[in-house]
């Protein structure tokens, strides 16, 4: 879907990179999201003190709340996974949310972005499994009895590959669908402010989709840490 006006695409056109920007707006706006997150992190950690300021207090409550929710799901043993899981959650949420700003494109409305996030989660899931179980991690794919291995193993492999499709297509489909609905409403009734309710609903959709991605990720991590049954 070609947007009528994307601010950073026009900016890249001005410096002679218009072709790249038009073909890869999701890459441009992924860089924008990363720049925003790095800048926000730098500002949030610039003046950390024992007596927290209002900003520090807000971020501490937010981050600790997400961390405790994750620990409730994974157990205390999964606390070390929080940096990756929280980064994925915040990145996906801001990537979803940025599409509500006029002239901006949500990177998660492109399948390449969502697939890269899904691959990161699924590959790291197996790294966790190998870290905790070593070569015995293969038992997660073999079922409870040896004579069922020819049946269970292909099913398990397909199921793990399907996680990539599930994570990437769910997020991509919801965000692209939201973008299409907004585009149609702007085209048909933009002068009557018809898109405003959908834009407000978009904030909720952005949060829910990021949370679902985060929740499924930590459930996969938990499954990799558990012993095979």
N, C-alpha and C. Protein backbone atom coordinates (compact mmCIF):
# COMPACT_ATOMS: atom_id res chain seq x y z
N UNK A 1 0.85 -1.19 0.00
CA UNK A 1 0.00 0.00 0.00
C UNK A 1 0.89 1.25 0.00
N UNK A 2 0.67 2.12 -0.97
CA UNK A 2 1.47 3.33 -1.10
C UNK A 2 0.78 4.49 -0.41
N UNK A 3 1.41 5.05 0.60
CA UNK A 3 0.85 6.20 1.29
C UNK A 3 1.02 7.46 0.44
N UNK A 4 0.05 8.38 0.51
CA UNK A 4 0.16 9.60 -0.28
C UNK A 4 1.31 10.50 0.17
N UNK A 5 1.62 10.46 1.46
CA UNK A 5 2.71 11.31 1.96
C UNK A 5 3.34 10.67 3.18
N UNK A 6 4.61 10.40 3.09
CA UNK A 6 5.38 9.89 4.22
C UNK A 6 6.56 10.84 4.44
N UNK A 7 6.61 11.42 5.61
CA UNK A 7 7.56 12.50 5.88
C UNK A 7 9.01 12.07 5.64
N UNK A 8 9.41 10.94 6.21
CA UNK A 8 10.81 10.53 6.11
C UNK A 8 11.15 10.01 4.72
N UNK A 9 10.15 9.51 4.00
CA UNK A 9 10.40 9.12 2.61
C UNK A 9 10.72 10.37 1.79
N UNK A 10 9.96 11.45 2.02
CA UNK A 10 10.25 12.71 1.33
C UNK A 10 11.63 13.25 1.72
N UNK A 11 12.00 13.04 2.97
CA UNK A 11 13.31 13.48 3.43
C UNK A 11 14.42 12.72 2.72
N UNK A 12 14.24 11.42 2.53
CA UNK A 12 15.23 10.61 1.81
C UNK A 12 15.26 10.98 0.33
N UNK A 13 14.11 11.37 -0.21
CA UNK A 13 14.09 11.84 -1.60
C UNK A 13 14.98 13.07 -1.76
N UNK A 14 14.93 13.95 -0.76
CA UNK A 14 15.69 15.20 -0.83
C UNK A 14 17.20 14.96 -0.83
N UNK A 15 17.64 13.82 -0.27
CA UNK A 15 19.07 13.53 -0.24
C UNK A 15 19.46 12.50 -1.30
N UNK A 16 18.54 12.24 -2.24
CA UNK A 16 18.85 11.37 -3.37
C UNK A 16 18.66 9.89 -3.14
N UNK A 17 17.92 9.50 -2.09
CA UNK A 17 17.68 8.09 -1.80
C UNK A 17 16.20 7.75 -1.89
N UNK A 18 15.52 8.45 -2.80
CA UNK A 18 14.08 8.28 -2.92
C UNK A 18 13.66 6.89 -3.34
N UNK A 19 14.41 6.26 -4.23
CA UNK A 19 14.06 4.92 -4.71
C UNK A 19 14.10 3.90 -3.56
N UNK A 20 15.17 3.95 -2.78
CA UNK A 20 15.28 3.05 -1.63
C UNK A 20 14.15 3.30 -0.63
N UNK A 21 13.85 4.57 -0.36
CA UNK A 21 12.83 4.92 0.63
C UNK A 21 11.44 4.47 0.18
N UNK A 22 11.13 4.62 -1.12
CA UNK A 22 9.82 4.23 -1.62
C UNK A 22 9.62 2.72 -1.59
N UNK A 23 10.69 1.98 -1.81
CA UNK A 23 10.59 0.53 -1.81
C UNK A 23 10.69 -0.07 -0.39
N UNK A 24 11.25 0.69 0.54
CA UNK A 24 11.48 0.15 1.89
C UNK A 24 11.06 1.14 2.99
N UNK A 25 9.81 1.61 2.97
CA UNK A 25 9.40 2.55 4.04
C UNK A 25 9.43 1.90 5.41
N UNK A 26 9.23 0.57 5.46
CA UNK A 26 9.26 -0.11 6.75
C UNK A 26 10.65 -0.07 7.37
N UNK A 27 11.70 -0.10 6.51
CA UNK A 27 13.07 -0.01 7.02
C UNK A 27 13.33 1.40 7.57
N UNK A 28 12.90 2.41 6.81
CA UNK A 28 13.10 3.80 7.23
C UNK A 28 12.44 4.04 8.58
N UNK A 29 11.19 3.58 8.70
CA UNK A 29 10.46 3.86 9.94
C UNK A 29 10.86 2.92 11.07
N UNK A 30 11.47 1.80 10.76
CA UNK A 30 12.09 0.99 11.82
C UNK A 30 13.27 1.75 12.42
N UNK A 31 14.05 2.42 11.56
CA UNK A 31 15.15 3.26 12.05
C UNK A 31 14.61 4.41 12.91
N UNK A 32 13.49 4.97 12.49
CA UNK A 32 12.88 6.06 13.25
C UNK A 32 12.48 5.57 14.64
N UNK A 33 11.83 4.41 14.69
CA UNK A 33 11.41 3.84 15.98
C UNK A 33 12.62 3.56 16.86
N UNK A 34 13.67 2.97 16.28
CA UNK A 34 14.87 2.67 17.07
C UNK A 34 15.51 3.95 17.60
N UNK A 35 15.53 4.98 16.77
CA UNK A 35 16.09 6.26 17.21
C UNK A 35 15.28 6.84 18.36
N UNK A 36 13.96 6.75 18.27
CA UNK A 36 13.09 7.25 19.34
C UNK A 36 13.32 6.48 20.64
N UNK A 37 13.43 5.16 20.54
CA UNK A 37 13.62 4.34 21.73
C UNK A 37 14.98 4.59 22.37
N UNK A 38 16.01 4.70 21.55
CA UNK A 38 17.36 4.98 22.09
C UNK A 38 17.39 6.35 22.76
N UNK A 39 16.76 7.33 22.12
CA UNK A 39 16.71 8.68 22.69
C UNK A 39 15.93 8.70 24.00
N UNK A 40 14.80 8.00 24.03
CA UNK A 40 13.99 7.93 25.25
C UNK A 40 14.75 7.24 26.38
N UNK A 41 15.47 6.16 26.03
CA UNK A 41 16.26 5.45 27.05
C UNK A 41 17.38 6.33 27.58
N UNK A 42 18.02 7.09 26.69
CA UNK A 42 19.10 7.98 27.13
C UNK A 42 18.57 9.07 28.05
N UNK A 43 17.43 9.63 27.72
CA UNK A 43 16.83 10.67 28.57
C UNK A 43 16.37 10.10 29.91
N UNK A 44 15.79 8.88 29.86
CA UNK A 44 15.27 8.27 31.09
C UNK A 44 16.37 7.89 32.07
N UNK A 45 17.56 7.57 31.55
CA UNK A 45 18.65 7.12 32.42
C UNK A 45 19.69 8.21 32.68
N UNK A 46 19.45 9.40 32.17
CA UNK A 46 20.45 10.46 32.29
C UNK A 46 20.60 10.95 33.72
N UNK A 47 19.51 11.00 34.45
CA UNK A 47 19.55 11.57 35.81
C UNK A 47 18.89 10.64 36.81
N UNK A 48 19.36 9.39 36.85
CA UNK A 48 18.82 8.42 37.81
C UNK A 48 19.34 8.76 39.20
N UNK A 49 18.45 8.78 40.17
CA UNK A 49 18.83 9.08 41.55
C UNK A 49 18.15 8.18 42.54
N UNK A 50 18.66 8.17 43.77
CA UNK A 50 18.03 7.37 44.82
C UNK A 50 16.63 7.87 45.13
N UNK A 51 16.47 9.19 45.02
CA UNK A 51 15.13 9.77 45.15
C UNK A 51 14.61 10.03 43.74
N UNK A 52 13.71 9.17 43.23
CA UNK A 52 13.33 9.27 41.83
C UNK A 52 12.51 10.52 41.52
N UNK A 53 12.77 11.08 40.36
CA UNK A 53 11.95 12.17 39.85
C UNK A 53 10.62 11.58 39.34
N UNK A 54 9.73 12.46 38.90
CA UNK A 54 8.45 11.98 38.39
C UNK A 54 8.65 11.09 37.16
N UNK A 55 9.55 11.51 36.27
CA UNK A 55 9.81 10.71 35.08
C UNK A 55 10.42 9.36 35.41
N UNK A 56 11.41 9.36 36.31
CA UNK A 56 12.04 8.11 36.72
C UNK A 56 11.04 7.20 37.41
N UNK A 57 10.20 7.78 38.24
CA UNK A 57 9.20 7.01 38.95
C UNK A 57 8.23 6.34 37.98
N UNK A 58 7.82 7.10 36.94
CA UNK A 58 6.90 6.56 35.94
C UNK A 58 7.52 5.37 35.23
N UNK A 59 8.76 5.53 34.76
CA UNK A 59 9.42 4.45 34.02
C UNK A 59 9.69 3.25 34.92
N UNK A 60 10.03 3.48 36.19
CA UNK A 60 10.28 2.37 37.10
C UNK A 60 9.00 1.56 37.35
N UNK A 61 7.89 2.26 37.54
CA UNK A 61 6.61 1.57 37.74
C UNK A 61 6.22 0.78 36.50
N UNK A 62 6.40 1.39 35.34
CA UNK A 62 6.04 0.73 34.08
C UNK A 62 6.89 -0.51 33.85
N UNK A 63 8.21 -0.37 33.95
CA UNK A 63 9.11 -1.49 33.66
C UNK A 63 8.97 -2.59 34.71
N UNK A 64 8.87 -2.20 35.98
CA UNK A 64 8.74 -3.23 37.03
C UNK A 64 7.41 -3.97 36.90
N UNK A 65 6.35 -3.27 36.47
CA UNK A 65 5.06 -3.93 36.27
C UNK A 65 5.12 -4.98 35.18
N UNK A 66 5.77 -4.64 34.06
CA UNK A 66 5.93 -5.59 32.96
C UNK A 66 6.81 -6.76 33.39
N UNK A 67 7.86 -6.45 34.15
CA UNK A 67 8.77 -7.51 34.61
C UNK A 67 8.07 -8.48 35.54
N UNK A 68 7.29 -7.95 36.49
CA UNK A 68 6.60 -8.84 37.43
C UNK A 68 5.56 -9.69 36.73
N UNK A 69 4.89 -9.12 35.74
CA UNK A 69 3.94 -9.92 34.95
C UNK A 69 4.66 -11.07 34.27
N UNK A 70 5.82 -10.77 33.69
CA UNK A 70 6.57 -11.82 33.01
C UNK A 70 7.02 -12.90 33.98
N UNK A 71 7.49 -12.50 35.15
CA UNK A 71 7.95 -13.48 36.14
C UNK A 71 6.80 -14.34 36.62
N UNK A 72 5.59 -13.78 36.69
CA UNK A 72 4.42 -14.58 37.05
C UNK A 72 4.17 -15.69 36.04
N UNK A 73 4.50 -15.44 34.78
CA UNK A 73 4.30 -16.44 33.72
C UNK A 73 5.45 -17.42 33.67
N UNK A 74 6.68 -16.91 33.68
CA UNK A 74 7.86 -17.77 33.48
C UNK A 74 8.41 -18.35 34.77
N UNK A 75 8.06 -17.75 35.91
CA UNK A 75 8.72 -18.11 37.16
C UNK A 75 9.97 -17.27 37.36
N UNK A 76 10.50 -17.29 38.56
CA UNK A 76 11.67 -16.49 38.89
C UNK A 76 12.86 -16.80 37.99
N UNK A 77 12.92 -18.03 37.50
CA UNK A 77 14.04 -18.46 36.67
C UNK A 77 14.08 -17.72 35.33
N UNK A 78 12.93 -17.19 34.92
CA UNK A 78 12.88 -16.52 33.63
C UNK A 78 13.14 -15.03 33.69
N UNK A 79 13.51 -14.51 34.85
CA UNK A 79 13.71 -13.07 34.98
C UNK A 79 14.84 -12.56 34.07
N UNK A 80 15.84 -13.39 33.82
CA UNK A 80 16.97 -12.94 32.99
C UNK A 80 16.56 -12.72 31.53
N UNK A 81 15.39 -13.23 31.15
CA UNK A 81 14.91 -13.06 29.78
C UNK A 81 14.18 -11.74 29.58
N UNK A 82 13.98 -11.01 30.68
CA UNK A 82 13.19 -9.78 30.60
C UNK A 82 13.73 -8.75 29.61
N UNK A 83 15.05 -8.49 29.54
CA UNK A 83 15.53 -7.47 28.58
C UNK A 83 15.09 -7.73 27.15
N UNK A 84 15.19 -8.98 26.70
CA UNK A 84 14.79 -9.30 25.33
C UNK A 84 13.28 -9.17 25.16
N UNK A 85 12.53 -9.78 26.09
CA UNK A 85 11.07 -9.77 25.97
C UNK A 85 10.52 -8.35 26.05
N UNK A 86 11.06 -7.53 26.95
CA UNK A 86 10.58 -6.16 27.09
C UNK A 86 10.95 -5.32 25.87
N UNK A 87 12.14 -5.56 25.32
CA UNK A 87 12.55 -4.83 24.11
C UNK A 87 11.62 -5.14 22.96
N UNK A 88 11.27 -6.42 22.78
CA UNK A 88 10.35 -6.80 21.72
C UNK A 88 8.99 -6.14 21.94
N UNK A 89 8.51 -6.16 23.18
CA UNK A 89 7.20 -5.57 23.49
C UNK A 89 7.19 -4.07 23.19
N UNK A 90 8.18 -3.35 23.68
CA UNK A 90 8.22 -1.90 23.49
C UNK A 90 8.41 -1.56 22.02
N UNK A 91 9.29 -2.30 21.34
CA UNK A 91 9.53 -2.02 19.92
C UNK A 91 8.26 -2.23 19.11
N UNK A 92 7.57 -3.35 19.34
CA UNK A 92 6.34 -3.64 18.59
C UNK A 92 5.27 -2.61 18.91
N UNK A 93 5.14 -2.24 20.17
CA UNK A 93 4.11 -1.28 20.56
C UNK A 93 4.33 0.08 19.90
N UNK A 94 5.55 0.59 19.98
CA UNK A 94 5.85 1.90 19.37
C UNK A 94 5.74 1.82 17.85
N UNK A 95 6.16 0.70 17.27
CA UNK A 95 6.03 0.53 15.82
C UNK A 95 4.57 0.53 15.40
N UNK A 96 3.71 -0.09 16.21
CA UNK A 96 2.27 -0.06 15.93
C UNK A 96 1.72 1.35 16.08
N UNK A 97 2.12 2.00 17.15
CA UNK A 97 1.54 3.29 17.52
C UNK A 97 1.95 4.41 16.57
N UNK A 98 3.14 4.31 16.01
CA UNK A 98 3.67 5.40 15.20
C UNK A 98 2.86 5.60 13.92
N UNK A 99 2.13 4.55 13.51
CA UNK A 99 1.31 4.66 12.32
C UNK A 99 0.13 5.60 12.47
N UNK A 100 -0.21 5.97 13.70
CA UNK A 100 -1.32 6.89 13.94
C UNK A 100 -0.90 8.34 13.72
N UNK A 101 0.40 8.59 13.61
CA UNK A 101 0.91 9.94 13.40
C UNK A 101 0.86 10.23 11.89
N UNK A 102 0.20 11.31 11.47
CA UNK A 102 0.16 11.64 10.03
C UNK A 102 1.57 11.77 9.45
N UNK A 103 1.78 11.15 8.28
CA UNK A 103 3.08 11.20 7.64
C UNK A 103 4.02 10.11 8.09
N UNK A 104 3.54 9.21 8.96
CA UNK A 104 4.37 8.12 9.46
C UNK A 104 3.75 6.78 9.05
N UNK A 105 4.61 5.78 8.92
CA UNK A 105 4.19 4.44 8.51
C UNK A 105 4.57 3.44 9.59
N UNK A 106 3.64 2.58 10.03
CA UNK A 106 3.99 1.58 11.06
C UNK A 106 4.82 0.45 10.46
N UNK A 107 6.05 0.26 10.91
CA UNK A 107 6.89 -0.82 10.35
C UNK A 107 6.24 -2.19 10.45
N UNK A 108 5.39 -2.39 11.47
CA UNK A 108 4.75 -3.69 11.66
C UNK A 108 3.63 -3.95 10.66
N UNK A 109 3.31 -2.98 9.81
CA UNK A 109 2.36 -3.21 8.72
C UNK A 109 3.05 -3.82 7.51
N UNK A 110 4.32 -4.19 7.67
CA UNK A 110 5.07 -4.88 6.61
C UNK A 110 5.51 -6.24 7.14
N UNK A 111 5.30 -7.26 6.34
CA UNK A 111 5.59 -8.63 6.78
C UNK A 111 7.06 -8.86 7.08
N UNK A 112 7.95 -8.13 6.42
CA UNK A 112 9.38 -8.29 6.68
C UNK A 112 9.73 -7.94 8.12
N UNK A 113 9.11 -6.88 8.64
CA UNK A 113 9.37 -6.46 10.02
C UNK A 113 8.85 -7.48 11.02
N UNK A 114 7.60 -7.90 10.84
CA UNK A 114 7.00 -8.84 11.80
C UNK A 114 7.70 -10.20 11.74
N UNK A 115 8.11 -10.62 10.53
CA UNK A 115 8.81 -11.90 10.40
C UNK A 115 10.18 -11.85 11.09
N UNK A 116 10.86 -10.71 11.01
CA UNK A 116 12.16 -10.59 11.67
C UNK A 116 12.01 -10.67 13.18
N UNK A 117 10.97 -10.03 13.72
CA UNK A 117 10.71 -10.13 15.17
C UNK A 117 10.36 -11.56 15.56
N UNK A 118 9.53 -12.22 14.75
CA UNK A 118 9.13 -13.59 15.04
C UNK A 118 10.33 -14.53 14.99
N UNK A 119 11.19 -14.36 13.99
CA UNK A 119 12.39 -15.20 13.88
C UNK A 119 13.29 -15.02 15.09
N UNK A 120 13.43 -13.78 15.56
CA UNK A 120 14.26 -13.51 16.74
C UNK A 120 13.74 -14.28 17.94
N UNK A 121 12.43 -14.22 18.14
CA UNK A 121 11.82 -14.90 19.29
C UNK A 121 11.96 -16.41 19.19
N UNK A 122 11.65 -16.97 18.02
CA UNK A 122 11.66 -18.43 17.86
C UNK A 122 13.08 -18.97 17.93
N UNK A 123 14.03 -18.32 17.28
CA UNK A 123 15.42 -18.78 17.35
C UNK A 123 15.94 -18.71 18.79
N UNK A 124 15.63 -17.62 19.49
CA UNK A 124 16.09 -17.50 20.87
C UNK A 124 15.41 -18.53 21.78
N UNK A 125 14.19 -18.91 21.43
CA UNK A 125 13.51 -19.97 22.19
C UNK A 125 14.35 -21.24 22.19
N UNK A 126 14.88 -21.60 21.04
CA UNK A 126 15.68 -22.83 20.95
C UNK A 126 17.06 -22.65 21.59
N UNK A 127 17.57 -21.43 21.55
CA UNK A 127 18.83 -21.17 22.26
C UNK A 127 18.62 -21.38 23.77
N UNK A 128 17.48 -20.93 24.27
CA UNK A 128 17.14 -21.14 25.69
C UNK A 128 17.06 -22.64 25.98
N UNK A 129 16.37 -23.38 25.09
CA UNK A 129 16.22 -24.82 25.30
C UNK A 129 17.56 -25.53 25.36
N UNK A 130 18.46 -25.18 24.46
CA UNK A 130 19.80 -25.80 24.45
C UNK A 130 20.59 -25.38 25.68
N UNK A 131 20.44 -24.12 26.10
CA UNK A 131 21.15 -23.62 27.29
C UNK A 131 20.73 -24.40 28.54
N UNK A 132 19.44 -24.69 28.66
CA UNK A 132 18.94 -25.35 29.87
C UNK A 132 19.08 -26.87 29.83
N UNK A 133 19.00 -27.47 28.65
CA UNK A 133 18.93 -28.93 28.57
C UNK A 133 20.05 -29.56 27.76
N UNK A 134 20.84 -28.74 27.05
CA UNK A 134 21.89 -29.30 26.22
C UNK A 134 21.31 -30.17 25.11
N UNK A 135 21.98 -31.27 24.82
CA UNK A 135 21.52 -32.17 23.76
C UNK A 135 20.16 -32.80 24.09
N UNK A 136 19.82 -32.86 25.38
CA UNK A 136 18.55 -33.46 25.78
C UNK A 136 17.34 -32.61 25.36
N UNK A 137 17.60 -31.42 24.87
CA UNK A 137 16.50 -30.56 24.39
C UNK A 137 15.74 -31.23 23.25
N UNK A 138 16.39 -32.15 22.54
CA UNK A 138 15.75 -32.84 21.43
C UNK A 138 14.53 -33.64 21.92
N UNK A 139 14.50 -33.97 23.21
CA UNK A 139 13.37 -34.73 23.77
C UNK A 139 12.07 -33.95 23.67
N UNK A 140 12.16 -32.61 23.58
CA UNK A 140 10.95 -31.81 23.43
C UNK A 140 10.22 -32.13 22.13
N UNK A 141 10.94 -32.74 21.18
CA UNK A 141 10.37 -33.00 19.86
C UNK A 141 10.02 -34.47 19.64
N UNK A 142 10.22 -35.32 20.67
CA UNK A 142 10.14 -36.77 20.44
C UNK A 142 8.94 -37.46 21.07
N UNK A 143 8.18 -36.75 21.89
CA UNK A 143 7.02 -37.38 22.48
C UNK A 143 7.35 -38.24 23.69
N UNK A 144 6.31 -38.80 24.33
CA UNK A 144 6.53 -39.52 25.59
C UNK A 144 7.12 -40.93 25.44
N UNK A 145 6.92 -41.58 24.29
CA UNK A 145 7.43 -42.95 24.10
C UNK A 145 8.17 -43.03 22.77
N UNK A 146 9.18 -43.92 22.70
CA UNK A 146 10.08 -43.95 21.56
C UNK A 146 9.40 -44.31 20.25
N UNK A 147 8.37 -45.22 20.33
CA UNK A 147 7.76 -45.68 19.08
C UNK A 147 6.84 -44.63 18.43
N UNK A 148 6.62 -43.50 19.14
CA UNK A 148 5.82 -42.43 18.55
C UNK A 148 6.68 -41.34 17.90
N UNK A 149 8.01 -41.51 17.97
CA UNK A 149 8.91 -40.49 17.42
C UNK A 149 8.64 -40.18 15.95
N UNK A 150 8.45 -41.20 15.08
CA UNK A 150 8.19 -40.88 13.66
C UNK A 150 6.94 -40.03 13.44
N UNK A 151 6.01 -40.08 14.35
CA UNK A 151 4.78 -39.29 14.23
C UNK A 151 4.94 -37.93 14.91
N UNK A 152 5.45 -37.95 16.14
CA UNK A 152 5.51 -36.73 16.95
C UNK A 152 6.56 -35.76 16.43
N UNK A 153 7.72 -36.26 16.00
CA UNK A 153 8.82 -35.36 15.61
C UNK A 153 8.43 -34.43 14.46
N UNK A 154 7.86 -34.96 13.34
CA UNK A 154 7.47 -34.02 12.27
C UNK A 154 6.39 -33.02 12.72
N UNK A 155 5.47 -33.47 13.56
CA UNK A 155 4.42 -32.58 14.05
C UNK A 155 5.02 -31.45 14.88
N UNK A 156 5.97 -31.81 15.75
CA UNK A 156 6.61 -30.79 16.59
C UNK A 156 7.40 -29.79 15.75
N UNK A 157 8.14 -30.29 14.76
CA UNK A 157 8.91 -29.39 13.89
C UNK A 157 7.99 -28.44 13.16
N UNK A 158 6.90 -28.97 12.60
CA UNK A 158 5.93 -28.12 11.90
C UNK A 158 5.31 -27.11 12.86
N UNK A 159 5.01 -27.57 14.09
CA UNK A 159 4.44 -26.67 15.08
C UNK A 159 5.36 -25.52 15.44
N UNK A 160 6.65 -25.79 15.55
CA UNK A 160 7.62 -24.73 15.88
C UNK A 160 7.81 -23.78 14.71
N UNK A 161 7.80 -24.30 13.49
CA UNK A 161 7.87 -23.43 12.32
C UNK A 161 6.61 -22.57 12.20
N UNK A 162 5.47 -23.17 12.58
CA UNK A 162 4.20 -22.44 12.52
C UNK A 162 4.18 -21.26 13.49
N UNK A 163 5.00 -21.32 14.53
CA UNK A 163 5.08 -20.19 15.45
C UNK A 163 5.55 -18.91 14.74
N UNK A 164 6.47 -19.10 13.81
CA UNK A 164 6.97 -17.94 13.04
C UNK A 164 5.83 -17.34 12.23
N UNK A 165 5.07 -18.20 11.57
CA UNK A 165 3.93 -17.72 10.77
C UNK A 165 2.87 -17.09 11.65
N UNK A 166 2.60 -17.73 12.78
CA UNK A 166 1.57 -17.22 13.68
C UNK A 166 1.92 -15.84 14.21
N UNK A 167 3.13 -15.69 14.72
CA UNK A 167 3.54 -14.40 15.28
C UNK A 167 3.59 -13.31 14.21
N UNK A 168 4.16 -13.64 13.06
CA UNK A 168 4.37 -12.61 12.03
C UNK A 168 3.08 -12.23 11.32
N UNK A 169 2.27 -13.22 10.91
CA UNK A 169 1.07 -12.92 10.15
C UNK A 169 -0.03 -12.29 11.01
N UNK A 170 -0.11 -12.69 12.28
CA UNK A 170 -1.13 -12.09 13.14
C UNK A 170 -0.88 -10.59 13.30
N UNK A 171 0.34 -10.23 13.63
CA UNK A 171 0.68 -8.83 13.83
C UNK A 171 0.57 -8.05 12.52
N UNK A 172 1.15 -8.60 11.45
CA UNK A 172 1.10 -7.94 10.14
C UNK A 172 -0.34 -7.75 9.68
N UNK A 173 -1.17 -8.78 9.80
CA UNK A 173 -2.54 -8.70 9.32
C UNK A 173 -3.35 -7.65 10.06
N UNK A 174 -3.20 -7.58 11.36
CA UNK A 174 -3.94 -6.60 12.14
C UNK A 174 -3.51 -5.17 11.83
N UNK A 175 -2.21 -4.96 11.73
CA UNK A 175 -1.73 -3.59 11.49
C UNK A 175 -1.99 -3.15 10.05
N UNK A 176 -1.82 -4.04 9.10
CA UNK A 176 -2.13 -3.69 7.71
C UNK A 176 -3.63 -3.45 7.54
N UNK A 177 -4.44 -4.28 8.19
CA UNK A 177 -5.89 -4.08 8.13
C UNK A 177 -6.29 -2.73 8.69
N UNK A 178 -5.67 -2.35 9.79
CA UNK A 178 -5.97 -1.04 10.39
C UNK A 178 -5.56 0.08 9.45
N UNK A 179 -4.40 -0.06 8.81
CA UNK A 179 -3.95 0.96 7.85
C UNK A 179 -4.90 1.08 6.66
N UNK A 180 -5.40 -0.04 6.17
CA UNK A 180 -6.32 -0.03 5.04
C UNK A 180 -7.65 0.63 5.40
N UNK A 181 -8.15 0.30 6.59
CA UNK A 181 -9.41 0.91 7.04
C UNK A 181 -9.25 2.42 7.16
N UNK A 182 -8.15 2.86 7.76
CA UNK A 182 -7.90 4.30 7.88
C UNK A 182 -7.81 4.97 6.51
N UNK A 183 -7.10 4.32 5.59
CA UNK A 183 -6.94 4.91 4.25
C UNK A 183 -8.28 5.04 3.55
N UNK A 184 -9.13 4.02 3.67
CA UNK A 184 -10.46 4.07 3.03
C UNK A 184 -11.32 5.16 3.65
N UNK A 185 -11.29 5.26 4.98
CA UNK A 185 -12.10 6.29 5.65
C UNK A 185 -11.62 7.70 5.31
N UNK A 186 -10.30 7.88 5.25
CA UNK A 186 -9.77 9.19 4.85
C UNK A 186 -10.18 9.55 3.43
N UNK A 187 -10.20 8.54 2.56
CA UNK A 187 -10.56 8.78 1.16
C UNK A 187 -12.05 9.12 1.02
N UNK A 188 -12.90 8.40 1.77
CA UNK A 188 -14.34 8.56 1.61
C UNK A 188 -14.93 9.68 2.46
N UNK A 189 -14.40 9.83 3.68
CA UNK A 189 -15.05 10.78 4.60
C UNK A 189 -14.04 11.49 5.49
N UNK A 190 -12.85 11.76 4.97
CA UNK A 190 -11.84 12.41 5.78
C UNK A 190 -12.25 13.80 6.23
N UNK A 191 -13.00 14.51 5.38
CA UNK A 191 -13.41 15.88 5.72
C UNK A 191 -14.41 15.92 6.87
N UNK A 192 -15.05 14.76 7.15
CA UNK A 192 -16.07 14.70 8.21
C UNK A 192 -15.53 14.05 9.48
N UNK A 193 -14.20 13.91 9.57
CA UNK A 193 -13.53 13.36 10.76
C UNK A 193 -13.95 11.92 11.07
N UNK A 194 -14.42 11.20 10.05
CA UNK A 194 -14.83 9.80 10.27
C UNK A 194 -13.68 8.91 10.74
N UNK A 195 -12.42 9.17 10.32
CA UNK A 195 -11.33 8.28 10.76
C UNK A 195 -10.96 8.42 12.23
N UNK A 196 -11.40 9.49 12.91
CA UNK A 196 -10.95 9.74 14.29
C UNK A 196 -11.30 8.59 15.24
N UNK A 197 -12.54 8.04 15.21
CA UNK A 197 -12.82 6.90 16.12
C UNK A 197 -11.92 5.70 15.85
N UNK A 198 -11.62 5.44 14.56
CA UNK A 198 -10.74 4.31 14.23
C UNK A 198 -9.32 4.59 14.70
N UNK A 199 -8.88 5.86 14.63
CA UNK A 199 -7.55 6.21 15.12
C UNK A 199 -7.47 6.02 16.63
N UNK A 200 -8.54 6.39 17.33
CA UNK A 200 -8.57 6.18 18.79
C UNK A 200 -8.55 4.70 19.11
N UNK A 201 -9.31 3.91 18.35
CA UNK A 201 -9.30 2.47 18.54
C UNK A 201 -7.93 1.89 18.21
N UNK A 202 -7.21 2.56 17.30
CA UNK A 202 -5.89 2.10 16.92
C UNK A 202 -4.90 2.07 18.07
N UNK A 203 -5.06 2.96 19.04
CA UNK A 203 -4.19 2.95 20.23
C UNK A 203 -4.39 1.65 21.00
N UNK A 204 -5.65 1.26 21.14
CA UNK A 204 -5.97 0.01 21.83
C UNK A 204 -5.45 -1.20 21.04
N UNK A 205 -5.64 -1.17 19.72
CA UNK A 205 -5.16 -2.26 18.87
C UNK A 205 -3.63 -2.38 18.95
N UNK A 206 -2.95 -1.24 18.93
CA UNK A 206 -1.48 -1.24 19.02
C UNK A 206 -1.01 -1.90 20.31
N UNK A 207 -1.67 -1.57 21.42
CA UNK A 207 -1.28 -2.14 22.71
C UNK A 207 -1.59 -3.63 22.78
N UNK A 208 -2.78 -4.00 22.33
CA UNK A 208 -3.19 -5.41 22.41
C UNK A 208 -2.29 -6.29 21.56
N UNK A 209 -1.99 -5.85 20.33
CA UNK A 209 -1.14 -6.66 19.46
C UNK A 209 0.27 -6.80 20.01
N UNK A 210 0.80 -5.73 20.59
CA UNK A 210 2.13 -5.81 21.21
C UNK A 210 2.10 -6.75 22.41
N UNK A 211 1.03 -6.68 23.20
CA UNK A 211 0.92 -7.53 24.38
C UNK A 211 0.79 -9.00 23.99
N UNK A 212 -0.01 -9.29 22.95
CA UNK A 212 -0.16 -10.67 22.48
C UNK A 212 1.18 -11.22 22.01
N UNK A 213 1.93 -10.42 21.26
CA UNK A 213 3.26 -10.84 20.79
C UNK A 213 4.17 -11.11 21.98
N UNK A 214 4.15 -10.23 22.97
CA UNK A 214 4.96 -10.36 24.18
C UNK A 214 4.57 -11.61 24.97
N UNK A 215 3.26 -11.82 25.14
CA UNK A 215 2.77 -12.95 25.92
C UNK A 215 3.13 -14.28 25.26
N UNK A 216 2.92 -14.38 23.96
CA UNK A 216 3.27 -15.61 23.26
C UNK A 216 4.78 -15.87 23.33
N UNK A 217 5.56 -14.80 23.24
CA UNK A 217 7.02 -14.95 23.30
C UNK A 217 7.47 -15.54 24.63
N UNK A 218 6.95 -15.00 25.73
CA UNK A 218 7.39 -15.51 27.03
C UNK A 218 6.83 -16.90 27.30
N UNK A 219 5.69 -17.23 26.70
CA UNK A 219 5.18 -18.60 26.83
C UNK A 219 6.09 -19.58 26.09
N UNK A 220 6.58 -19.18 24.93
CA UNK A 220 7.54 -20.03 24.20
C UNK A 220 8.83 -20.18 25.01
N UNK A 221 9.30 -19.09 25.60
CA UNK A 221 10.51 -19.16 26.41
C UNK A 221 10.32 -20.11 27.59
N UNK A 222 9.15 -20.02 28.23
CA UNK A 222 8.85 -20.89 29.37
C UNK A 222 8.83 -22.35 28.96
N UNK A 223 8.20 -22.63 27.82
CA UNK A 223 8.16 -24.00 27.33
C UNK A 223 9.54 -24.56 27.06
N UNK A 224 10.44 -23.73 26.57
CA UNK A 224 11.81 -24.19 26.30
C UNK A 224 12.57 -24.49 27.58
N UNK A 225 12.26 -23.76 28.67
CA UNK A 225 12.95 -23.99 29.92
C UNK A 225 12.46 -25.23 30.65
N UNK A 226 11.22 -25.63 30.39
CA UNK A 226 10.64 -26.77 31.09
C UNK A 226 11.25 -28.07 30.58
N UNK A 227 11.19 -29.09 31.43
CA UNK A 227 11.66 -30.42 31.02
C UNK A 227 10.64 -31.08 30.13
N UNK A 228 11.11 -31.87 29.18
CA UNK A 228 10.21 -32.57 28.27
C UNK A 228 9.41 -33.60 29.05
N UNK A 229 8.16 -33.78 28.64
CA UNK A 229 7.29 -34.75 29.32
C UNK A 229 7.19 -36.04 28.51
